[in-house]
C-alpha cells in the first residue's frame, strides 16, 4: 500500500510561548512542528535530530539572538541550505537588510497576518522541495540509480574527517565486473546496461547499514564505503557480495573465469592518522583489487 510522504518539518525558534503557540496552532495541519525556546536549543536540536525543512526564527532572544543563530547555520555546510524566515517585532529597514544579508530568505514583522505567513512558508517550502529534487538528481547515476562518483567523493571526505576525529576505522571496497568489455562486445550495450543495473542493485544491498554508501565509481567499477568497519569486516562483506552476484548466473560466454558474470573485489580499512588523506584508503583498496585480479578474478582480497 502506497503511503503519503511525511509533511514538511518546520522548526519554530522563539523565547515567547505565546508566539510559539499561535504559529504552531496555525501550521500544525499542514506541517510537522518542532519548537525551541532559545537559539542554543535550536542548534542543539538540529545537530541531534537533523535539519528541518524550514526555520521560523525570532530575532530578539536573550543570550543568542536570531542573527547569531542564522550566522551559525549559514556558516556550517550541513545546515547552510536550510531556509530561514525571521519573525520579529523589529520593523526597521536596516534590521531586515541585516537578516537578509546573513542568508535569511524572508523577514516577517509582528504583529503578522497569518494568511501571508502561511503563503510565504508554502512558497519557500515548495522552492526547497524543488531544489532538493534537483540536488538529488545531481548525486545519482542516471543508469543504475545508485549514488554517483560525485556523491561518493563528498561522502568519503566527510566520513574520513569523522573517522579521523573519532579514531574509528573506515573501510572501502572496490569492485570490478570481470571482462565486462568482452560481455558488451558479445551481447551489446543494452545487455551491458542491464547487467550494470543488476550488479548495482547488489552493491546497494551490501551497503545495508545507515551511513554505508554504495556508488558507481566509473564504467564497470563500483565502490562501497563502510564507516566503523575494519578490514576483516569489509572483506566478509566483499566475499558475500561476490557470491551473491555469481549466484545470479547472468550468462557471460566471453569470460575466461566463469560462464556467468563475476566480480573481483579489493577491500581495505584505515584508522585515519595525522597527515593521511582519504586517497590512501582508496589506493589500498585498489591494490587489493589488483591482487584479486592477479589471483584469477572472481575473488575478494
C-alpha atoms as a PDB file:
ATOM      1  CA  UNK A   1       0.000   0.000   0.000  1.00  0.00           C
ATOM      2  CA  UNK A   2       1.398   3.383  -1.021  1.00  0.00           C
ATOM      3  CA  UNK A   3       1.996   5.753   1.894  1.00  0.00           C
ATOM      4  CA  UNK A   4       1.941   9.525   1.701  1.00  0.00           C
ATOM      5  CA  UNK A   5       5.280  11.301   2.136  1.00  0.00           C
ATOM      6  CA  UNK A   6       5.799  12.918   5.544  1.00  0.00           C
ATOM      7  CA  UNK A   7       4.711  16.503   5.950  1.00  0.00           C
ATOM      8  CA  UNK A   8       7.495  19.102   5.791  1.00  0.00           C
ATOM      9  CA  UNK A   9       9.102  19.816   9.155  1.00  0.00           C
ATOM     10  CA  UNK A  10       9.179  23.385  10.495  1.00  0.00           C
ATOM     11  CA  UNK A  11      11.295  24.413  13.474  1.00  0.00           C
ATOM     12  CA  UNK A  12       9.886  27.412  15.375  1.00  0.00           C
ATOM     13  CA  UNK A  13      12.516  29.227  17.436  1.00  0.00           C
ATOM     14  CA  UNK A  14      11.111  31.815  19.856  1.00  0.00           C
ATOM     15  CA  UNK A  15      11.546  32.557  23.551  1.00  0.00           C
ATOM     16  CA  UNK A  16       7.906  33.694  23.923  1.00  0.00           C
ATOM     17  CA  UNK A  17       5.493  30.774  24.473  1.00  0.00           C
ATOM     18  CA  UNK A  18       2.524  32.748  23.117  1.00  0.00           C
ATOM     19  CA  UNK A  19       4.246  33.320  19.780  1.00  0.00           C
ATOM     20  CA  UNK A  20       5.127  29.635  19.510  1.00  0.00           C
ATOM     21  CA  UNK A  21       1.556  28.640  20.326  1.00  0.00           C
ATOM     22  CA  UNK A  22      -0.015  30.936  17.722  1.00  0.00           C
ATOM     23  CA  UNK A  23       2.313  29.788  14.955  1.00  0.00           C
ATOM     24  CA  UNK A  24       2.137  26.105  15.879  1.00  0.00           C
ATOM     25  CA  UNK A  25      -1.662  26.037  16.096  1.00  0.00           C
ATOM     26  CA  UNK A  26      -1.995  27.610  12.664  1.00  0.00           C
ATOM     27  CA  UNK A  27       0.628  25.457  10.952  1.00  0.00           C
ATOM     28  CA  UNK A  28       0.115  22.028  12.521  1.00  0.00           C
ATOM     29  CA  UNK A  29      -2.483  20.972   9.944  1.00  0.00           C
ATOM     30  CA  UNK A  30      -0.048  21.201   7.028  1.00  0.00           C
ATOM     31  CA  UNK A  31       3.341  20.680   8.666  1.00  0.00           C
ATOM     32  CA  UNK A  32       5.160  18.777  11.348  1.00  0.00           C
ATOM     33  CA  UNK A  33       6.210  21.201  14.068  1.00  0.00           C
ATOM     34  CA  UNK A  34       9.177  21.292  16.417  1.00  0.00           C
ATOM     35  CA  UNK A  35       9.912  24.141  18.788  1.00  0.00           C
ATOM     36  CA  UNK A  36      12.945  25.588  20.533  1.00  0.00           C
ATOM     37  CA  UNK A  37      12.814  28.295  23.191  1.00  0.00           C
ATOM     38  CA  UNK A  38      16.338  29.595  22.574  1.00  0.00           C
ATOM     39  CA  UNK A  39      18.957  29.873  19.872  1.00  0.00           C
ATOM     40  CA  UNK A  40      21.234  27.392  21.607  1.00  0.00           C
ATOM     41  CA  UNK A  41      18.390  24.874  21.948  1.00  0.00           C
ATOM     42  CA  UNK A  42      17.640  25.233  18.240  1.00  0.00           C
ATOM     43  CA  UNK A  43      21.225  24.497  17.208  1.00  0.00           C
ATOM     44  CA  UNK A  44      21.371  21.525  19.588  1.00  0.00           C
ATOM     45  CA  UNK A  45      18.105  20.123  18.216  1.00  0.00           C
ATOM     46  CA  UNK A  46      19.323  20.375  14.624  1.00  0.00           C
ATOM     47  CA  UNK A  47      22.642  18.727  15.489  1.00  0.00           C
ATOM     48  CA  UNK A  48      20.918  15.861  17.306  1.00  0.00           C
ATOM     49  CA  UNK A  49      17.803  15.321  15.184  1.00  0.00           C
ATOM     50  CA  UNK A  50      18.713  16.559  11.717  1.00  0.00           C
ATOM     51  CA  UNK A  51      17.752  19.539   9.617  1.00  0.00           C
ATOM     52  CA  UNK A  52      14.161  20.767   9.336  1.00  0.00           C
ATOM     53  CA  UNK A  53      12.681  21.851   6.023  1.00  0.00           C
ATOM     54  CA  UNK A  54      12.324  25.447   7.211  1.00  0.00           C
ATOM     55  CA  UNK A  55      13.058  27.539  10.299  1.00  0.00           C
ATOM     56  CA  UNK A  56      10.885  30.338  11.678  1.00  0.00           C
ATOM     57  CA  UNK A  57      13.390  32.307  13.725  1.00  0.00           C
ATOM     58  CA  UNK A  58      12.715  35.082  16.226  1.00  0.00           C
ATOM     59  CA  UNK A  59      15.337  37.826  16.259  1.00  0.00           C
ATOM     60  CA  UNK A  60      15.107  39.198  19.795  1.00  0.00           C
ATOM     61  CA  UNK A  61      16.106  36.391  22.149  1.00  0.00           C
ATOM     62  CA  UNK A  62      18.384  36.510  25.207  1.00  0.00           C
ATOM     63  CA  UNK A  63      21.958  35.166  25.149  1.00  0.00           C
ATOM     64  CA  UNK A  64      21.958  34.176  21.451  1.00  0.00           C
ATOM     65  CA  UNK A  65      19.748  36.286  19.209  1.00  0.00           C
ATOM     66  CA  UNK A  66      18.305  35.192  15.895  1.00  0.00           C
ATOM     67  CA  UNK A  67      21.034  36.883  13.879  1.00  0.00           C
ATOM     68  CA  UNK A  68      23.687  34.848  15.667  1.00  0.00           C
ATOM     69  CA  UNK A  69      21.711  31.630  15.163  1.00  0.00           C
ATOM     70  CA  UNK A  70      21.418  32.387  11.450  1.00  0.00           C
ATOM     71  CA  UNK A  71      25.146  33.111  11.271  1.00  0.00           C
ATOM     72  CA  UNK A  72      25.885  29.692  12.810  1.00  0.00           C
ATOM     73  CA  UNK A  73      23.508  27.933  10.416  1.00  0.00           C
ATOM     74  CA  UNK A  74      24.810  29.591   7.272  1.00  0.00           C
ATOM     75  CA  UNK A  75      28.419  29.037   8.320  1.00  0.00           C
ATOM     76  CA  UNK A  76      28.009  25.263   8.557  1.00  0.00           C
ATOM     77  CA  UNK A  77      27.842  23.315   5.252  1.00  0.00           C
ATOM     78  CA  UNK A  78      25.492  20.793   6.897  1.00  0.00           C
ATOM     79  CA  UNK A  79      22.874  23.468   7.690  1.00  0.00           C
ATOM     80  CA  UNK A  80      23.600  26.302   5.270  1.00  0.00           C
ATOM     81  CA  UNK A  81      20.822  25.317   2.860  1.00  0.00           C
ATOM     82  CA  UNK A  82      18.005  25.324   5.455  1.00  0.00           C
ATOM     83  CA  UNK A  83      15.540  28.121   4.572  1.00  0.00           C
ATOM     84  CA  UNK A  84      15.301  30.682   7.371  1.00  0.00           C
ATOM     85  CA  UNK A  85      12.464  33.172   7.817  1.00  0.00           C
ATOM     86  CA  UNK A  86      12.920  35.805  10.507  1.00  0.00           C
ATOM     87  CA  UNK A  87       9.783  36.587  12.529  1.00  0.00           C
ATOM     88  CA  UNK A  88      10.307  39.709  14.624  1.00  0.00           C
ATOM     89  CA  UNK A  89       8.880  42.902  16.075  1.00  0.00           C
ATOM     90  CA  UNK A  90      11.790  44.860  14.599  1.00  0.00           C
ATOM     91  CA  UNK A  91      10.474  46.709  11.559  1.00  0.00           C
ATOM     92  CA  UNK A  92      13.359  48.973  10.641  1.00  0.00           C
ATOM     93  CA  UNK A  93      14.667  48.519   7.098  1.00  0.00           C
ATOM     94  CA  UNK A  94      18.223  48.133   8.408  1.00  0.00           C
ATOM     95  CA  UNK A  95      17.141  45.180  10.572  1.00  0.00           C
ATOM     96  CA  UNK A  96      15.568  43.480   7.572  1.00  0.00           C
ATOM     97  CA  UNK A  97      18.658  44.180   5.474  1.00  0.00           C
ATOM     98  CA  UNK A  98      20.868  42.655   8.160  1.00  0.00           C
ATOM     99  CA  UNK A  99      18.802  39.486   8.283  1.00  0.00           C
ATOM    100  CA  UNK A 100      18.732  39.062   4.518  1.00  0.00           C
ATOM    101  CA  UNK A 101      22.477  39.700   4.267  1.00  0.00           C
ATOM    102  CA  UNK A 102      23.039  36.860   6.746  1.00  0.00           C
ATOM    103  CA  UNK A 103      21.271  34.487   4.381  1.00  0.00           C
ATOM    104  CA  UNK A 104      17.650  34.532   5.531  1.00  0.00           C
ATOM    105  CA  UNK A 105      15.122  34.112   2.730  1.00  0.00           C
ATOM    106  CA  UNK A 106      12.386  36.262   4.210  1.00  0.00           C
ATOM    107  CA  UNK A 107      11.586  38.667   7.016  1.00  0.00           C
ATOM    108  CA  UNK A 108       8.139  38.852   8.645  1.00  0.00           C
ATOM    109  CA  UNK A 109       7.310  41.568  11.171  1.00  0.00           C
ATOM    110  CA  UNK A 110       4.966  41.256  14.149  1.00  0.00           C
ATOM    111  CA  UNK A 111       2.070  41.553  14.503  1.00  0.00           C
ATOM    112  CA  UNK A 112       1.811  39.332  11.447  1.00  0.00           C
ATOM    113  CA  UNK A 113      -1.106  38.497   9.199  1.00  0.00           C
ATOM    114  CA  UNK A 114      -1.368  34.717   9.318  1.00  0.00           C
ATOM    115  CA  UNK A 115      -2.564  34.133   5.725  1.00  0.00           C
ATOM    116  CA  UNK A 116       0.525  35.987   4.477  1.00  0.00           C
ATOM    117  CA  UNK A 117       2.777  33.996   6.818  1.00  0.00           C
ATOM    118  CA  UNK A 118       1.265  30.744   5.541  1.00  0.00           C
ATOM    119  CA  UNK A 119       1.645  31.794   1.911  1.00  0.00           C
ATOM    120  CA  UNK A 120       5.300  32.714   2.361  1.00  0.00           C
ATOM    121  CA  UNK A 121       6.046  29.476   4.182  1.00  0.00           C
ATOM    122  CA  UNK A 122       4.268  27.470   1.488  1.00  0.00           C
ATOM    123  CA  UNK A 123       6.226  29.186  -1.290  1.00  0.00           C
ATOM    124  CA  UNK A 124       9.593  28.668   0.406  1.00  0.00           C
ATOM    125  CA  UNK A 125       8.809  25.021   1.194  1.00  0.00           C
ATOM    126  CA  UNK A 126       7.908  24.367  -2.450  1.00  0.00           C
ATOM    127  CA  UNK A 127      11.110  26.036  -3.603  1.00  0.00           C
ATOM    128  CA  UNK A 128      13.111  23.951  -1.112  1.00  0.00           C
ATOM    129  CA  UNK A 129      11.478  20.733  -2.326  1.00  0.00           C
ATOM    130  CA  UNK A 130      12.237  21.577  -5.958  1.00  0.00           C
ATOM    131  CA  UNK A 131      15.838  22.407  -5.078  1.00  0.00           C
ATOM    132  CA  UNK A 132      16.217  19.180  -3.092  1.00  0.00           C
ATOM    133  CA  UNK A 133      14.910  17.169  -6.046  1.00  0.00           C
ATOM    134  CA  UNK A 134      17.404  18.767  -8.428  1.00  0.00           C
ATOM    135  CA  UNK A 135      20.265  18.194  -5.982  1.00  0.00           C
ATOM    136  CA  UNK A 136      19.270  14.558  -5.520  1.00  0.00           C
ATOM    137  CA  UNK A 137      19.317  14.057  -9.279  1.00  0.00           C
ATOM    138  CA  UNK A 138      22.820  15.529  -9.408  1.00  0.00           C
ATOM    139  CA  UNK A 139      24.062  12.900  -6.911  1.00  0.00           C
ATOM    140  CA  UNK A 140      22.546   9.852  -8.654  1.00  0.00           C
ATOM    141  CA  UNK A 141      23.976   7.788 -11.505  1.00  0.00           C
ATOM    142  CA  UNK A 142      21.383   8.019 -14.259  1.00  0.00           C
ATOM    143  CA  UNK A 143      21.794   4.427 -15.463  1.00  0.00           C
ATOM    144  CA  UNK A 144      21.954   2.420 -12.248  1.00  0.00           C
ATOM    145  CA  UNK A 145      20.002   4.647  -9.869  1.00  0.00           C
ATOM    146  CA  UNK A 146      22.641   4.432  -7.133  1.00  0.00           C
ATOM    147  CA  UNK A 147      24.862   7.330  -5.972  1.00  0.00           C
ATOM    148  CA  UNK A 148      27.451   8.557  -8.453  1.00  0.00           C
ATOM    149  CA  UNK A 149      31.153   9.351  -8.114  1.00  0.00           C
ATOM    150  CA  UNK A 150      30.449  12.932  -7.100  1.00  0.00           C
ATOM    151  CA  UNK A 151      28.265  11.813  -4.198  1.00  0.00           C
ATOM    152  CA  UNK A 152      30.846   9.228  -3.184  1.00  0.00           C
ATOM    153  CA  UNK A 153      33.674  11.760  -3.149  1.00  0.00           C
ATOM    154  CA  UNK A 154      31.676  14.104  -0.930  1.00  0.00           C
ATOM    155  CA  UNK A 155      30.686  11.317   1.451  1.00  0.00           C
ATOM    156  CA  UNK A 156      34.233   9.974   1.608  1.00  0.00           C
ATOM    157  CA  UNK A 157      35.509  13.409   2.610  1.00  0.00           C
ATOM    158  CA  UNK A 158      33.003  13.807   5.458  1.00  0.00           C
ATOM    159  CA  UNK A 159      33.334  10.207   6.692  1.00  0.00           C
ATOM    160  CA  UNK A 160      37.133  10.417   6.603  1.00  0.00           C
ATOM    161  CA  UNK A 161      37.036  13.524   8.798  1.00  0.00           C
ATOM    162  CA  UNK A 162      34.605  11.857  11.191  1.00  0.00           C
ATOM    163  CA  UNK A 163      36.735   8.709  11.421  1.00  0.00           C
ATOM    164  CA  UNK A 164      39.820  10.844  11.999  1.00  0.00           C
ATOM    165  CA  UNK A 165      38.078  12.789  14.744  1.00  0.00           C
ATOM    166  CA  UNK A 166      36.709   9.671  16.480  1.00  0.00           C
ATOM    167  CA  UNK A 167      39.679   7.422  15.657  1.00  0.00           C
ATOM    168  CA  UNK A 168      37.458   4.715  14.207  1.00  0.00           C
ATOM    169  CA  UNK A 169      38.167   2.568  11.129  1.00  0.00           C
ATOM    170  CA  UNK A 170      36.785   3.468   7.727  1.00  0.00           C
ATOM    171  CA  UNK A 171      36.657   0.776   5.047  1.00  0.00           C
ATOM    172  CA  UNK A 172      36.272   0.831   1.280  1.00  0.00           C
ATOM    173  CA  UNK A 173      35.532  -1.955  -1.186  1.00  0.00           C
ATOM    174  CA  UNK A 174      36.336  -1.521  -4.869  1.00  0.00           C
ATOM    175  CA  UNK A 175      34.579  -3.932  -7.227  1.00  0.00           C
ATOM    176  CA  UNK A 176      35.127  -4.509 -10.933  1.00  0.00           C
ATOM    177  CA  UNK A 177      32.976  -6.674 -13.221  1.00  0.00           C
ATOM    178  CA  UNK A 178      35.243  -9.304 -14.755  1.00  0.00           C
ATOM    179  CA  UNK A 179      35.754  -8.979 -18.527  1.00  0.00           C
ATOM    180  CA  UNK A 180      32.880  -6.560 -18.885  1.00  0.00           C
ATOM    181  CA  UNK A 181      34.143  -5.165 -22.208  1.00  0.00           C
ATOM    182  CA  UNK A 182      34.015  -8.669 -23.657  1.00  0.00           C
ATOM    183  CA  UNK A 183      30.459  -9.009 -22.316  1.00  0.00           C
ATOM    184  CA  UNK A 184      29.469  -5.780 -24.067  1.00  0.00           C
ATOM    185  CA  UNK A 185      31.159  -6.819 -27.299  1.00  0.00           C
ATOM    186  CA  UNK A 186      29.245 -10.088 -27.420  1.00  0.00           C
ATOM    187  CA  UNK A 187      25.865  -9.031 -26.057  1.00  0.00           C
ATOM    188  CA  UNK A 188      25.572  -5.345 -26.972  1.00  0.00           C
ATOM    189  CA  UNK A 189      25.392  -2.230 -24.844  1.00  0.00           C
ATOM    190  CA  UNK A 190      21.736  -2.745 -23.989  1.00  0.00           C
ATOM    191  CA  UNK A 191      22.541  -6.025 -22.269  1.00  0.00           C
ATOM    192  CA  UNK A 192      25.579  -4.373 -20.714  1.00  0.00           C
ATOM    193  CA  UNK A 193      23.410  -1.660 -19.203  1.00  0.00           C
ATOM    194  CA  UNK A 194      21.032  -4.245 -17.745  1.00  0.00           C
ATOM    195  CA  UNK A 195      23.988  -6.103 -16.266  1.00  0.00           C
ATOM    196  CA  UNK A 196      25.276  -2.912 -14.645  1.00  0.00           C
ATOM    197  CA  UNK A 197      21.853  -2.262 -13.132  1.00  0.00           C
ATOM    198  CA  UNK A 198      21.660  -5.748 -11.629  1.00  0.00           C
ATOM    199  CA  UNK A 199      25.157  -5.566 -10.186  1.00  0.00           C
ATOM    200  CA  UNK A 200      24.426  -2.080  -8.820  1.00  0.00           C
ATOM    201  CA  UNK A 201      21.390  -3.465  -7.015  1.00  0.00           C
ATOM    202  CA  UNK A 202      23.563  -5.980  -5.188  1.00  0.00           C
ATOM    203  CA  UNK A 203      26.091  -3.267  -4.352  1.00  0.00           C
ATOM    204  CA  UNK A 204      23.345  -1.150  -2.812  1.00  0.00           C
ATOM    205  CA  UNK A 205      22.041  -4.137  -0.841  1.00  0.00           C
ATOM    206  CA  UNK A 206      25.524  -4.750   0.579  1.00  0.00           C
ATOM    207  CA  UNK A 207      25.610  -1.191   1.937  1.00  0.00           C
ATOM    208  CA  UNK A 208      22.897  -2.130   4.388  1.00  0.00           C
ATOM    209  CA  UNK A 209      23.616  -0.019   7.469  1.00  0.00           C
ATOM    210  CA  UNK A 210      22.786   3.653   7.979  1.00  0.00           C
ATOM    211  CA  UNK A 211      25.908   5.514   6.890  1.00  0.00           C
ATOM    212  CA  UNK A 212      27.077   2.863   4.399  1.00  0.00           C
ATOM    213  CA  UNK A 213      27.242   4.027   0.790  1.00  0.00           C
ATOM    214  CA  UNK A 214      27.444   2.134  -2.488  1.00  0.00           C
ATOM    215  CA  UNK A 215      28.226   4.120  -5.625  1.00  0.00           C
ATOM    216  CA  UNK A 216      29.100   3.686  -9.247  1.00  0.00           C
ATOM    217  CA  UNK A 217      32.760   4.626  -9.425  1.00  0.00           C
ATOM    218  CA  UNK A 218      33.044   4.688 -13.207  1.00  0.00           C
ATOM    219  CA  UNK A 219      32.347   2.327 -16.096  1.00  0.00           C
ATOM    220  CA  UNK A 220      32.000  -1.190 -14.700  1.00  0.00           C
ATOM    221  CA  UNK A 221      33.640  -0.287 -11.388  1.00  0.00           C
ATOM    222  CA  UNK A 222      31.752   0.218  -8.138  1.00  0.00           C
ATOM    223  CA  UNK A 223      32.736   1.278  -4.636  1.00  0.00           C
ATOM    224  CA  UNK A 224      31.270   0.740  -1.174  1.00  0.00           C
ATOM    225  CA  UNK A 225      32.136   2.945   1.805  1.00  0.00           C
ATOM    226  CA  UNK A 226      31.755   1.350   5.246  1.00  0.00           C
ATOM    227  CA  UNK A 227      32.171   3.577   8.328  1.00  0.00           C
ATOM    228  CA  UNK A 228      33.317   1.949  11.569  1.00  0.00           C
ATOM    229  CA  UNK A 229      34.331  -1.236   9.751  1.00  0.00           C
ATOM    230  CA  UNK A 230      37.719  -2.938   9.953  1.00  0.00           C
ATOM    231  CA  UNK A 231      39.475  -4.888   7.205  1.00  0.00           C
ATOM    232  CA  UNK A 232      38.074  -8.253   8.291  1.00  0.00           C
ATOM    233  CA  UNK A 233      34.533  -6.890   8.296  1.00  0.00           C
ATOM    234  CA  UNK A 234      34.953  -5.300   4.877  1.00  0.00           C
ATOM    235  CA  UNK A 235      36.427  -8.495   3.447  1.00  0.00           C
ATOM    236  CA  UNK A 236      33.499 -10.515   4.794  1.00  0.00           C
ATOM    237  CA  UNK A 237      31.026  -8.158   3.110  1.00  0.00           C
ATOM    238  CA  UNK A 238      33.042  -8.261  -0.119  1.00  0.00           C
ATOM    239  CA  UNK A 239      33.065 -12.057  -0.223  1.00  0.00           C
ATOM    240  CA  UNK A 240      29.321 -12.269   0.425  1.00  0.00           C
ATOM    241  CA  UNK A 241      28.740  -9.712  -2.319  1.00  0.00           C
ATOM    242  CA  UNK A 242      30.903 -11.698  -4.739  1.00  0.00           C
ATOM    243  CA  UNK A 243      28.959 -14.870  -4.015  1.00  0.00           C
ATOM    244  CA  UNK A 244      25.596 -13.121  -4.397  1.00  0.00           C
ATOM    245  CA  UNK A 245      26.495 -11.741  -7.819  1.00  0.00           C
ATOM    246  CA  UNK A 246      27.877 -15.070  -9.045  1.00  0.00           C
ATOM    247  CA  UNK A 247      24.683 -16.769  -7.867  1.00  0.00           C
ATOM    248  CA  UNK A 248      22.637 -14.632 -10.279  1.00  0.00           C
ATOM    249  CA  UNK A 249      24.027 -16.702 -13.180  1.00  0.00           C
ATOM    250  CA  UNK A 250      23.993 -13.840 -15.669  1.00  0.00           C
ATOM    251  CA  UNK A 251      25.384 -15.599 -18.783  1.00  0.00           C
ATOM    252  CA  UNK A 252      28.867 -14.451 -19.876  1.00  0.00           C
ATOM    253  CA  UNK A 253      30.189 -16.620 -22.697  1.00  0.00           C
ATOM    254  CA  UNK A 254      33.296 -14.486 -23.251  1.00  0.00           C
ATOM    255  CA  UNK A 255      34.645 -14.765 -19.702  1.00  0.00           C
ATOM    256  CA  UNK A 256      37.693 -16.924 -19.040  1.00  0.00           C
ATOM    257  CA  UNK A 257      36.732 -17.151 -15.365  1.00  0.00           C
ATOM    258  CA  UNK A 258      33.188 -18.469 -15.464  1.00  0.00           C
ATOM    259  CA  UNK A 259      30.252 -18.911 -17.810  1.00  0.00           C
ATOM    260  CA  UNK A 260      28.408 -16.173 -15.887  1.00  0.00           C
ATOM    261  CA  UNK A 261      29.072 -12.638 -14.654  1.00  0.00           C
ATOM    262  CA  UNK A 262      31.546 -12.421 -11.771  1.00  0.00           C
ATOM    263  CA  UNK A 263      33.279  -9.602  -9.922  1.00  0.00           C
ATOM    264  CA  UNK A 264      36.698  -9.036  -8.420  1.00  0.00           C
ATOM    265  CA  UNK A 265      36.862  -7.021  -5.216  1.00  0.00           C
ATOM    266  CA  UNK A 266      39.505  -5.270  -3.135  1.00  0.00           C
ATOM    267  CA  UNK A 267      38.828  -4.338   0.499  1.00  0.00           C
ATOM    268  CA  UNK A 268      40.840  -2.086   2.789  1.00  0.00           C
ATOM    269  CA  UNK A 269      40.343  -0.191   6.041  1.00  0.00           C
ATOM    270  CA  UNK A 270      42.241   2.546   7.826  1.00  0.00           C
ATOM    271  CA  UNK A 271      42.014   4.459  11.072  1.00  0.00           C
ATOM    272  CA  UNK A 272      42.944   7.919   9.740  1.00  0.00           C
ATOM    273  CA  UNK A 273      46.124   9.331  11.244  1.00  0.00           C
ATOM    274  CA  UNK A 274      47.507  12.882  11.108  1.00  0.00           C
ATOM    275  CA  UNK A 275      48.952  13.576   7.697  1.00  0.00           C
ATOM    276  CA  UNK A 276      46.989  10.823   5.963  1.00  0.00           C
ATOM    277  CA  UNK A 277      44.383  11.532   3.288  1.00  0.00           C
ATOM    278  CA  UNK A 278      41.368   9.592   2.086  1.00  0.00           C
ATOM    279  CA  UNK A 279      43.233   8.868  -1.148  1.00  0.00           C
ATOM    280  CA  UNK A 280      45.374   6.405   0.807  1.00  0.00           C
ATOM    281  CA  UNK A 281      42.287   4.346   1.654  1.00  0.00           C
ATOM    282  CA  UNK A 282      41.259   4.146  -1.992  1.00  0.00           C
ATOM    283  CA  UNK A 283      44.817   3.343  -3.053  1.00  0.00           C
ATOM    284  CA  UNK A 284      44.905   0.482  -0.542  1.00  0.00           C
ATOM    285  CA  UNK A 285      41.583  -0.893  -1.815  1.00  0.00           C
ATOM    286  CA  UNK A 286      42.813  -0.544  -5.396  1.00  0.00           C
ATOM    287  CA  UNK A 287      45.939  -2.561  -4.592  1.00  0.00           C
ATOM    288  CA  UNK A 288      43.753  -5.299  -3.150  1.00  0.00           C
ATOM    289  CA  UNK A 289      41.575  -5.225  -6.261  1.00  0.00           C
ATOM    290  CA  UNK A 290      44.689  -5.601  -8.409  1.00  0.00           C
ATOM    291  CA  UNK A 291      45.695  -8.551  -6.219  1.00  0.00           C
ATOM    292  CA  UNK A 292      42.275 -10.156  -6.716  1.00  0.00           C
ATOM    293  CA  UNK A 293      42.610  -9.855 -10.479  1.00  0.00           C
ATOM    294  CA  UNK A 294      46.095 -11.308 -10.319  1.00  0.00           C
ATOM    295  CA  UNK A 295      44.779 -14.255  -8.330  1.00  0.00           C
ATOM    296  CA  UNK A 296      42.457 -15.230 -11.175  1.00  0.00           C
ATOM    297  CA  UNK A 297      39.499 -12.855 -10.632  1.00  0.00           C
ATOM    298  CA  UNK A 298      36.110 -13.762  -9.164  1.00  0.00           C
ATOM    299  CA  UNK A 299      37.520 -13.348  -5.666  1.00  0.00           C
ATOM    300  CA  UNK A 300      37.843 -10.807  -2.854  1.00  0.00           C
ATOM    301  CA  UNK A 301      41.155  -9.713  -1.407  1.00  0.00           C
END
